[in-house]
Amino acid sequence: MTTEPTTDSGTAATTRQLSATTLAELREIAGRYPEKRSGLLPMLHLVQAAQGKITPEGIEACAEILEISPAEVNGVATFYTMYKRHEVGDYHVGVCTNTLCAVMGGDAILNRLKDHLGVGNDEVAPQRQGDQRSVSLEHVECNAACDYAPVVMVNWEFMDNQTPESAVQMVEALRAGHPVRSTRGPRICTWREAERVLAGFPDGRVDEGPAAGHASLVGLHIARQNDWTAPEPEAPAAIGQDVADDKEGAVADADTARAESETVEESADTPDATEPKESPGD
């Protein structure tokens, strides 16, 4: 995997200059789309993979390649919470605090991790002597995994059915550098590695772990037991005819409405025939 220049300690160099390799990969992403500005989201992920966060240099590079203004890039980068203007940990832990997860214990998990790590929302925990990796913490909205509530994510990978105790054990394993596997996915990789995958550069681990668990498939099993099936779709020709009929009807309605509107306007502009007209001698 290509990375930015590093210091002797292995951390990213203090310079924020994008490497020639990263610039070439940004152009590659833009070239994937008929309208190259459609590549902005994965390009921003690549900036985070290379630099750990969204930097002014990254914004300028994206704007230049896409031929849009830095303000447009900045508007997108500040709209989505997945793009960070500050460093995050090697492992970014997101605790769902939306309704179901909160009811099932998400708030308790978040509060326990805040106390254990000594941080607030979207902050990086201080590294202790002996820690191999850093951890940051964020409360997040729905992770679309309500059937496994309460859910925690690490670098966007699922950790299902968590408790305050299991969440603490997980972050301690991550800080110690021990391998941790998501409950429905691969071994947890670092933040920068995950961001590179989101930029569209696969890491070869897409098939690791199950794609769906028992809770997600309960409805399917019940349907099969009861021999329930979905209704057959309409034939494509009939659907196409319905669409055509709808369009023709919409055009006819629009024409009628326009004609009625014009008639009303003409009536308003024409003097009322019942009003007496002034004679020349008046």
Protein backbone atom coordinates (compact mmCIF):
# COMPACT_ATOMS: atom_id res chain seq x y z
CA MET A 1 0.00 0.00 0.00
CA THR A 2 1.33 3.43 -0.92
CA THR A 3 1.70 5.90 1.93
CA GLU A 4 3.00 9.39 2.42
CA PRO A 5 6.63 9.97 3.50
CA THR A 6 7.23 8.92 7.10
CA THR A 7 9.58 9.92 9.88
CA ASP A 8 11.96 7.52 11.64
CA SER A 9 9.28 6.81 14.24
CA GLY A 10 6.95 5.53 11.52
CA THR A 11 4.39 8.30 11.89
CA ALA A 12 3.35 10.60 9.09
CA ALA A 13 5.86 13.34 8.31
CA THR A 14 4.96 16.80 9.55
CA THR A 15 4.85 18.13 6.00
CA ARG A 16 1.41 18.10 4.45
CA GLN A 17 2.72 18.00 0.91
CA LEU A 18 0.85 15.38 -1.08
CA SER A 19 3.12 12.86 -2.76
CA ALA A 20 3.24 12.42 -6.51
CA THR A 21 1.75 8.94 -6.03
CA THR A 22 -1.24 10.31 -4.12
CA LEU A 23 -1.81 13.02 -6.73
CA ALA A 24 -1.75 10.39 -9.46
CA GLU A 25 -4.26 8.27 -7.54
CA LEU A 26 -6.54 11.29 -7.06
CA ARG A 27 -6.52 11.79 -10.84
CA GLU A 28 -7.21 8.07 -11.29
CA ILE A 29 -10.30 8.33 -9.09
CA ALA A 30 -11.57 11.36 -11.01
CA GLY A 31 -11.10 9.44 -14.27
CA ARG A 32 -13.45 6.68 -13.14
CA TYR A 33 -16.54 8.85 -13.65
CA PRO A 34 -18.24 10.35 -16.73
CA GLU A 35 -18.49 13.58 -14.74
CA LYS A 36 -15.21 13.72 -12.88
CA ARG A 37 -16.56 15.82 -10.02
CA SER A 38 -18.56 12.72 -9.05
CA GLY A 39 -15.28 11.35 -7.70
CA LEU A 40 -15.01 13.93 -4.93
CA LEU A 41 -16.18 11.70 -2.07
CA PRO A 42 -13.66 8.89 -2.67
CA MET A 43 -10.99 11.48 -3.38
CA LEU A 44 -11.52 12.97 0.06
CA HIS A 45 -11.22 9.49 1.56
CA LEU A 46 -7.89 9.12 -0.21
CA VAL A 47 -6.71 12.43 1.24
CA GLN A 48 -7.53 11.06 4.69
CA ALA A 49 -5.73 7.81 3.89
CA ALA A 50 -2.63 9.75 2.90
CA GLN A 51 -2.67 12.51 5.51
CA GLY A 52 -4.86 11.29 8.32
CA LYS A 53 -7.40 14.08 7.92
CA ILE A 54 -8.74 16.61 5.41
CA THR A 55 -6.02 19.21 4.91
CA PRO A 56 -5.97 22.52 3.03
CA GLU A 57 -3.51 20.94 0.60
CA GLY A 58 -5.89 18.04 0.02
CA ILE A 59 -8.78 20.41 -0.65
CA GLU A 60 -6.70 22.43 -3.11
CA ALA A 61 -5.57 19.29 -4.93
CA CYS A 62 -9.12 17.95 -5.28
CA ALA A 63 -10.37 21.33 -6.50
CA GLU A 64 -7.63 21.64 -9.12
CA ILE A 65 -8.11 18.10 -10.46
CA LEU A 66 -11.91 18.43 -10.61
CA GLU A 67 -11.79 22.00 -11.92
CA ILE A 68 -14.09 23.30 -9.20
CA SER A 69 -13.51 25.85 -6.47
CA PRO A 70 -11.91 24.99 -3.12
CA ALA A 71 -15.09 26.36 -1.52
CA GLU A 72 -17.13 23.64 -3.26
CA VAL A 73 -14.75 20.94 -2.01
CA ASN A 74 -14.76 22.46 1.46
CA GLY A 75 -18.56 22.49 1.49
CA VAL A 76 -18.65 18.74 0.91
CA ALA A 77 -15.84 18.02 3.36
CA THR A 78 -17.62 19.92 6.14
CA PHE A 79 -21.06 18.46 5.41
CA TYR A 80 -20.22 14.81 6.12
CA THR A 81 -19.01 13.81 9.61
CA MET A 82 -16.90 10.99 8.15
CA TYR A 83 -14.43 13.61 6.93
CA LYS A 84 -12.24 14.91 9.74
CA ARG A 85 -10.43 18.23 10.14
CA HIS A 86 -8.39 16.86 13.00
CA GLU A 87 -6.36 13.72 13.59
CA VAL A 88 -8.19 10.61 14.74
CA GLY A 89 -6.74 7.49 16.32
CA ASP A 90 -5.36 4.49 14.52
CA TYR A 91 -8.71 3.00 15.49
CA HIS A 92 -11.72 5.31 15.44
CA VAL A 93 -14.46 3.91 17.67
CA GLY A 94 -18.03 5.03 16.95
CA VAL A 95 -20.78 4.23 19.44
CA CYS A 96 -24.33 4.37 18.09
CA THR A 97 -26.54 6.52 20.33
CA ASN A 98 -29.64 6.55 18.15
CA THR A 99 -32.96 5.43 19.62
CA LEU A 100 -32.79 1.62 19.60
CA CYS A 101 -29.09 1.34 20.42
CA ALA A 102 -29.49 3.95 23.17
CA VAL A 103 -32.39 2.01 24.71
CA MET A 104 -30.41 -1.24 24.49
CA GLY A 105 -27.36 0.25 26.19
CA GLY A 106 -25.56 2.49 23.70
CA ASP A 107 -25.56 5.49 26.04
CA ALA A 108 -24.07 3.36 28.81
CA ILE A 109 -21.35 2.10 26.46
CA LEU A 110 -20.46 5.62 25.33
CA ASN A 111 -20.29 6.94 28.90
CA ARG A 112 -18.16 4.01 30.02
CA LEU A 113 -15.71 4.50 27.15
CA LYS A 114 -15.52 8.25 27.80
CA ASP A 115 -14.59 7.57 31.41
CA HIS A 116 -12.20 4.74 30.55
CA LEU A 117 -10.38 6.62 27.78
CA GLY A 118 -10.56 10.03 29.44
CA VAL A 119 -11.95 11.76 26.36
CA GLY A 120 -15.07 13.51 25.11
CA ASN A 121 -16.85 13.14 21.82
CA ASP A 122 -14.62 12.96 18.72
CA GLU A 123 -11.38 13.12 20.69
CA VAL A 124 -8.22 10.98 20.69
CA ALA A 125 -7.35 9.17 23.89
CA PRO A 126 -3.88 9.93 25.32
CA GLN A 127 -1.42 7.17 24.53
CA ARG A 128 -0.06 5.45 27.63
CA GLN A 129 3.32 3.89 28.05
CA GLY A 130 3.18 0.51 26.33
CA ASP A 131 0.29 1.37 24.00
CA GLN A 132 1.03 0.28 20.44
CA ARG A 133 -1.89 2.08 18.81
CA SER A 134 -4.05 5.13 19.44
CA VAL A 135 -7.85 5.16 19.82
CA SER A 136 -10.39 7.92 19.28
CA LEU A 137 -14.05 7.98 20.29
CA GLU A 138 -17.17 9.40 18.67
CA HIS A 139 -20.91 9.07 19.21
CA VAL A 140 -22.58 8.37 15.89
CA GLU A 141 -26.10 8.23 14.56
CA CYS A 142 -27.74 5.08 13.22
CA ASN A 143 -25.29 2.47 11.94
CA ALA A 144 -28.09 0.65 10.06
CA ALA A 145 -27.58 -2.42 12.25
CA CYS A 146 -30.54 -2.15 14.62
CA ASP A 147 -30.99 -5.94 14.66
CA TYR A 148 -27.68 -6.17 16.54
CA ALA A 149 -28.15 -3.28 18.97
CA PRO A 150 -26.25 -1.91 20.72
CA VAL A 151 -23.66 -1.58 17.97
CA VAL A 152 -20.17 -0.11 18.00
CA MET A 153 -18.11 0.47 14.86
CA VAL A 154 -14.33 0.51 14.58
CA ASN A 155 -13.10 2.18 11.41
CA TRP A 156 -16.57 1.51 9.96
CA GLU A 157 -16.58 -2.23 10.74
CA PHE A 158 -19.35 -3.68 12.92
CA MET A 159 -18.94 -4.81 16.51
CA ASP A 160 -22.41 -6.14 17.37
CA ASN A 161 -24.29 -6.74 20.62
CA GLN A 162 -21.82 -4.84 22.75
CA THR A 163 -21.82 -4.13 26.47
CA PRO A 164 -19.81 -1.55 28.42
CA GLU A 165 -17.46 -4.34 29.54
CA SER A 166 -16.94 -5.85 26.08
CA ALA A 167 -16.36 -2.39 24.60
CA VAL A 168 -13.63 -1.66 27.16
CA GLN A 169 -11.98 -5.03 26.45
CA MET A 170 -12.11 -4.26 22.72
CA VAL A 171 -10.43 -0.84 22.97
CA GLU A 172 -7.77 -2.28 25.27
CA ALA A 173 -6.99 -4.99 22.72
CA LEU A 174 -6.78 -2.36 19.99
CA ARG A 175 -4.45 -0.15 22.04
CA ALA A 176 -2.20 -3.11 22.77
CA GLY A 177 -1.92 -3.89 19.06
CA HIS A 178 -3.72 -7.23 19.29
CA PRO A 179 -5.71 -8.37 16.24
CA VAL A 180 -9.44 -7.72 16.59
CA ARG A 181 -11.99 -9.15 14.17
CA SER A 182 -15.33 -7.50 13.48
CA THR A 183 -18.42 -9.59 14.17
CA ARG A 184 -19.59 -9.45 10.54
CA GLY A 185 -16.50 -8.62 8.57
CA PRO A 186 -12.72 -8.83 8.38
CA ARG A 187 -9.96 -8.20 10.87
CA ILE A 188 -10.03 -4.55 11.89
CA CYS A 189 -7.48 -2.53 9.94
CA THR A 190 -6.18 0.95 10.78
CA TRP A 191 -8.06 4.17 10.04
CA ARG A 192 -5.81 5.06 7.11
CA GLU A 193 -6.05 1.59 5.62
CA ALA A 194 -9.85 1.71 5.88
CA GLU A 195 -9.94 5.15 4.25
CA ARG A 196 -7.91 3.84 1.35
CA VAL A 197 -10.44 1.05 0.80
CA LEU A 198 -13.26 3.63 0.86
CA ALA A 199 -11.34 5.54 -1.80
CA GLY A 200 -11.74 2.52 -4.06
CA PHE A 201 -8.44 0.69 -3.62
CA PRO A 202 -9.34 -2.83 -2.39
CA ASP A 203 -7.21 -4.54 0.25
CA GLY A 204 -8.17 -8.08 -0.77
CA ARG A 205 -10.16 -8.79 2.38
CA VAL A 206 -13.67 -8.13 1.08
CA ASP A 207 -14.74 -11.76 1.58
CA GLU A 208 -13.45 -12.13 5.13
CA GLY A 209 -16.16 -12.83 7.67
CA PRO A 210 -19.92 -13.34 7.21
CA ALA A 211 -21.88 -10.75 5.25
CA ALA A 212 -25.08 -11.28 7.26
CA GLY A 213 -25.83 -12.86 10.60
CA HIS A 214 -28.76 -14.76 12.01
CA ALA A 215 -30.68 -11.68 13.18
CA SER A 216 -30.64 -10.19 9.68
CA LEU A 217 -31.98 -13.40 8.15
CA VAL A 218 -34.83 -14.15 10.59
CA GLY A 219 -37.45 -12.64 8.26
CA LEU A 220 -36.19 -14.76 5.36
CA HIS A 221 -36.36 -17.95 7.44
CA ILE A 222 -39.93 -17.16 8.57
CA ALA A 223 -40.99 -16.50 4.98
CA ARG A 224 -39.55 -19.83 3.83
CA GLN A 225 -41.21 -21.73 6.67
CA ASN A 226 -44.59 -20.24 5.73
CA ASP A 227 -44.00 -20.49 1.98
CA TRP A 228 -44.38 -16.73 1.61
CA THR A 229 -43.19 -15.19 -1.64
CA ALA A 230 -43.09 -11.72 -3.07
CA PRO A 231 -45.69 -10.82 -5.69
CA GLU A 232 -44.62 -11.34 -9.28
CA PRO A 233 -43.54 -8.09 -10.95
CA GLU A 234 -45.45 -6.75 -13.90
CA ALA A 235 -44.18 -7.54 -17.36
CA PRO A 236 -41.66 -4.92 -18.57
CA ALA A 237 -43.86 -4.02 -21.56
CA ALA A 238 -46.84 -3.29 -19.33
CA ILE A 239 -44.73 -1.23 -17.01
CA GLY A 240 -43.37 0.74 -19.96
CA GLN A 241 -46.89 1.34 -21.26
CA ASP A 242 -48.03 2.55 -17.85
CA VAL A 243 -45.13 4.97 -17.75
CA ALA A 244 -45.97 6.21 -21.24
CA ASP A 245 -49.64 6.61 -20.33
CA ASP A 246 -48.70 8.48 -17.18
CA LYS A 247 -46.46 10.82 -19.14
CA GLU A 248 -49.14 11.47 -21.75
CA GLY A 249 -51.68 12.11 -19.02
CA ALA A 250 -49.35 14.47 -17.24
CA VAL A 251 -48.74 16.41 -20.47
CA ALA A 252 -52.50 16.63 -21.14
CA ASP A 253 -53.17 17.83 -17.60
CA ALA A 254 -50.42 20.42 -17.91
CA ASP A 255 -51.83 21.67 -21.24
CA THR A 256 -55.33 21.93 -19.77
CA ALA A 257 -54.08 23.79 -16.71
CA ARG A 258 -52.09 26.16 -18.90
CA ALA A 259 -55.10 26.84 -21.16
CA GLU A 260 -57.34 27.52 -18.17
CA SER A 261 -54.73 29.87 -16.70
CA GLU A 262 -54.41 31.78 -19.97
CA THR A 263 -58.22 32.06 -20.25
CA VAL A 264 -58.40 33.55 -16.78
CA GLU A 265 -55.63 36.03 -17.58
CA GLU A 266 -57.35 37.11 -20.84
CA SER A 267 -60.64 37.58 -19.04
CA ALA A 268 -58.94 39.77 -16.47
CA ASP A 269 -57.41 41.94 -19.21
CA THR A 270 -60.70 42.34 -21.21
CA PRO A 271 -63.15 45.08 -20.10
CA ASP A 272 -66.41 43.78 -18.72
CA ALA A 273 -69.10 44.00 -21.47
CA THR A 274 -71.74 44.84 -18.85
CA GLU A 275 -69.98 47.97 -17.72
CA PRO A 276 -71.43 51.20 -19.25
CA LYS A 277 -69.12 52.87 -21.74
CA GLU A 278 -68.48 56.59 -21.64
CA SER A 279 -70.06 58.53 -24.51
CA PRO A 280 -67.95 60.99 -26.48
CA GLY A 281 -69.87 63.84 -24.99
CA ASP A 282 -69.26 62.91 -21.37
